[in-house]
Amino acid sequence: MILNVATNVPMIVCLCANVTERELAAVVAAGARTVKEVGRCSGAGTGCGACKPLIRECLAEARAAAGKSHAVAALAAPAVEPATV
């Protein structure tokens, strides 16, 4: 998360649409998986495009976190015994 250390205020990711890093994270957490989907949901990335690298970074971090949580869940899942008839 990008925060202004002095004030603990979220940073604006997209100046054109006035989208903060927290709003971007919420859109990604709600299911946006591409820059285009983020743009449809929040407007970020639909203006000048300068924020697209940050949007891609946020999407990549979300994918990496999801991959780790799936791997941990698979390791933690109990073994399933085959059904006997």
C-alpha atoms as a PDB file:
ATOM      1  CA  MET A   1       0.000   0.000   0.000  1.00  0.00           C
ATOM      2  CA  ILE A   2       1.243   3.443  -0.857  1.00  0.00           C
ATOM      3  CA  LEU A   3       0.791   5.809   2.091  1.00  0.00           C
ATOM      4  CA  ASN A   4       1.988   9.287   2.838  1.00  0.00           C
ATOM      5  CA  VAL A   5       4.176   8.417   5.831  1.00  0.00           C
ATOM      6  CA  ALA A   6       3.772  11.845   7.427  1.00  0.00           C
ATOM      7  CA  THR A   7      -0.032  11.803   7.478  1.00  0.00           C
ATOM      8  CA  ASN A   8      -0.928   8.128   6.936  1.00  0.00           C
ATOM      9  CA  VAL A   9      -3.208   9.253   4.102  1.00  0.00           C
ATOM     10  CA  PRO A  10      -3.648   6.964   1.110  1.00  0.00           C
ATOM     11  CA  MET A  11      -1.968   8.212  -2.019  1.00  0.00           C
ATOM     12  CA  ILE A  12      -3.857   9.095  -5.177  1.00  0.00           C
ATOM     13  CA  VAL A  13      -3.084   6.481  -7.819  1.00  0.00           C
ATOM     14  CA  CYS A  14      -5.105   8.044 -10.630  1.00  0.00           C
ATOM     15  CA  LEU A  15      -5.257  11.818 -10.769  1.00  0.00           C
ATOM     16  CA  CYS A  16      -7.643  11.847 -13.733  1.00  0.00           C
ATOM     17  CA  ALA A  17     -10.330   9.860 -11.868  1.00  0.00           C
ATOM     18  CA  ASN A  18      -9.225  10.785  -8.312  1.00  0.00           C
ATOM     19  CA  VAL A  19      -8.800   7.120  -7.300  1.00  0.00           C
ATOM     20  CA  THR A  20      -6.821   6.321  -4.164  1.00  0.00           C
ATOM     21  CA  GLU A  21      -4.681   3.276  -3.565  1.00  0.00           C
ATOM     22  CA  ARG A  22      -7.289   2.000  -1.091  1.00  0.00           C
ATOM     23  CA  GLU A  23     -10.049   2.338  -3.673  1.00  0.00           C
ATOM     24  CA  LEU A  24      -7.897   0.514  -6.217  1.00  0.00           C
ATOM     25  CA  ALA A  25      -7.232  -2.292  -3.726  1.00  0.00           C
ATOM     26  CA  ALA A  26     -10.968  -2.566  -3.006  1.00  0.00           C
ATOM     27  CA  VAL A  27     -11.816  -2.849  -6.714  1.00  0.00           C
ATOM     28  CA  VAL A  28      -9.197  -5.577  -7.150  1.00  0.00           C
ATOM     29  CA  ALA A  29     -10.424  -7.381  -4.019  1.00  0.00           C
ATOM     30  CA  ALA A  30     -13.971  -7.211  -5.415  1.00  0.00           C
ATOM     31  CA  GLY A  31     -12.861  -9.167  -8.465  1.00  0.00           C
ATOM     32  CA  ALA A  32     -11.320  -6.860 -11.076  1.00  0.00           C
ATOM     33  CA  ARG A  33      -8.604  -8.862 -12.847  1.00  0.00           C
ATOM     34  CA  THR A  34      -7.464  -6.562 -15.658  1.00  0.00           C
ATOM     35  CA  VAL A  35      -6.619  -2.892 -16.104  1.00  0.00           C
ATOM     36  CA  LYS A  36      -9.746  -2.577 -18.259  1.00  0.00           C
ATOM     37  CA  GLU A  37     -11.949  -4.058 -15.498  1.00  0.00           C
ATOM     38  CA  VAL A  38     -10.386  -1.689 -12.943  1.00  0.00           C
ATOM     39  CA  GLY A  39     -11.189   1.185 -15.299  1.00  0.00           C
ATOM     40  CA  ARG A  40     -14.809   0.104 -15.680  1.00  0.00           C
ATOM     41  CA  CYS A  41     -15.241  -0.161 -11.912  1.00  0.00           C
ATOM     42  CA  SER A  42     -13.349   2.928 -10.750  1.00  0.00           C
ATOM     43  CA  GLY A  43     -12.344   5.025 -13.734  1.00  0.00           C
ATOM     44  CA  ALA A  44      -8.647   4.526 -12.937  1.00  0.00           C
ATOM     45  CA  GLY A  45      -6.542   4.069 -16.053  1.00  0.00           C
ATOM     46  CA  THR A  46      -9.130   5.511 -18.428  1.00  0.00           C
ATOM     47  CA  GLY A  47      -7.646   9.013 -18.711  1.00  0.00           C
ATOM     48  CA  CYS A  48      -4.008   9.773 -19.487  1.00  0.00           C
ATOM     49  CA  GLY A  49      -2.811   6.245 -18.617  1.00  0.00           C
ATOM     50  CA  ALA A  50       0.041   7.270 -16.321  1.00  0.00           C
ATOM     51  CA  CYS A  51      -1.409   5.131 -13.518  1.00  0.00           C
ATOM     52  CA  LYS A  52      -1.587   1.907 -15.545  1.00  0.00           C
ATOM     53  CA  PRO A  53       1.777   0.601 -14.268  1.00  0.00           C
ATOM     54  CA  LEU A  54       0.553   0.999 -10.668  1.00  0.00           C
ATOM     55  CA  ILE A  55      -2.712  -0.723 -11.528  1.00  0.00           C
ATOM     56  CA  ARG A  56      -0.793  -3.620 -13.108  1.00  0.00           C
ATOM     57  CA  GLU A  57       1.411  -3.826 -10.003  1.00  0.00           C
ATOM     58  CA  CYS A  58      -1.634  -3.995  -7.732  1.00  0.00           C
ATOM     59  CA  LEU A  59      -3.187  -6.715  -9.919  1.00  0.00           C
ATOM     60  CA  ALA A  60       0.065  -8.722  -9.881  1.00  0.00           C
ATOM     61  CA  GLU A  61       0.304  -8.456  -6.091  1.00  0.00           C
ATOM     62  CA  ALA A  62      -3.297  -9.654  -5.763  1.00  0.00           C
ATOM     63  CA  ARG A  63      -2.594 -12.636  -8.065  1.00  0.00           C
ATOM     64  CA  ALA A  64       0.541 -13.517  -6.095  1.00  0.00           C
ATOM     65  CA  ALA A  65      -1.331 -13.307  -2.785  1.00  0.00           C
ATOM     66  CA  ALA A  66      -4.164 -15.441  -4.147  1.00  0.00           C
ATOM     67  CA  GLY A  67      -1.683 -18.032  -5.384  1.00  0.00           C
ATOM     68  CA  LYS A  68      -0.028 -18.223  -1.981  1.00  0.00           C
ATOM     69  CA  SER A  69      -3.342 -18.566  -0.156  1.00  0.00           C
ATOM     70  CA  HIS A  70      -4.461 -21.354  -2.515  1.00  0.00           C
ATOM     71  CA  ALA A  71      -1.176 -23.197  -1.991  1.00  0.00           C
ATOM     72  CA  VAL A  72      -1.453 -22.891   1.796  1.00  0.00           C
ATOM     73  CA  ALA A  73      -5.084 -24.048   1.720  1.00  0.00           C
ATOM     74  CA  ALA A  74      -4.143 -27.075  -0.381  1.00  0.00           C
ATOM     75  CA  LEU A  75      -1.392 -28.028   2.042  1.00  0.00           C
ATOM     76  CA  ALA A  76      -3.684 -27.581   5.041  1.00  0.00           C
ATOM     77  CA  ALA A  77      -6.619 -29.499   3.579  1.00  0.00           C
ATOM     78  CA  PRO A  78      -7.177 -32.923   5.092  1.00  0.00           C
ATOM     79  CA  ALA A  79      -6.697 -35.925   2.862  1.00  0.00           C
ATOM     80  CA  VAL A  80      -9.953 -37.196   1.447  1.00  0.00           C
ATOM     81  CA  GLU A  81     -10.553 -40.912   1.726  1.00  0.00           C
ATOM     82  CA  PRO A  82     -12.154 -42.548  -1.301  1.00  0.00           C
ATOM     83  CA  ALA A  83     -15.755 -43.559  -0.778  1.00  0.00           C
ATOM     84  CA  THR A  84     -16.398 -47.246  -0.321  1.00  0.00           C
ATOM     85  CA  VAL A  85     -19.514 -48.798  -1.757  1.00  0.00           C
END
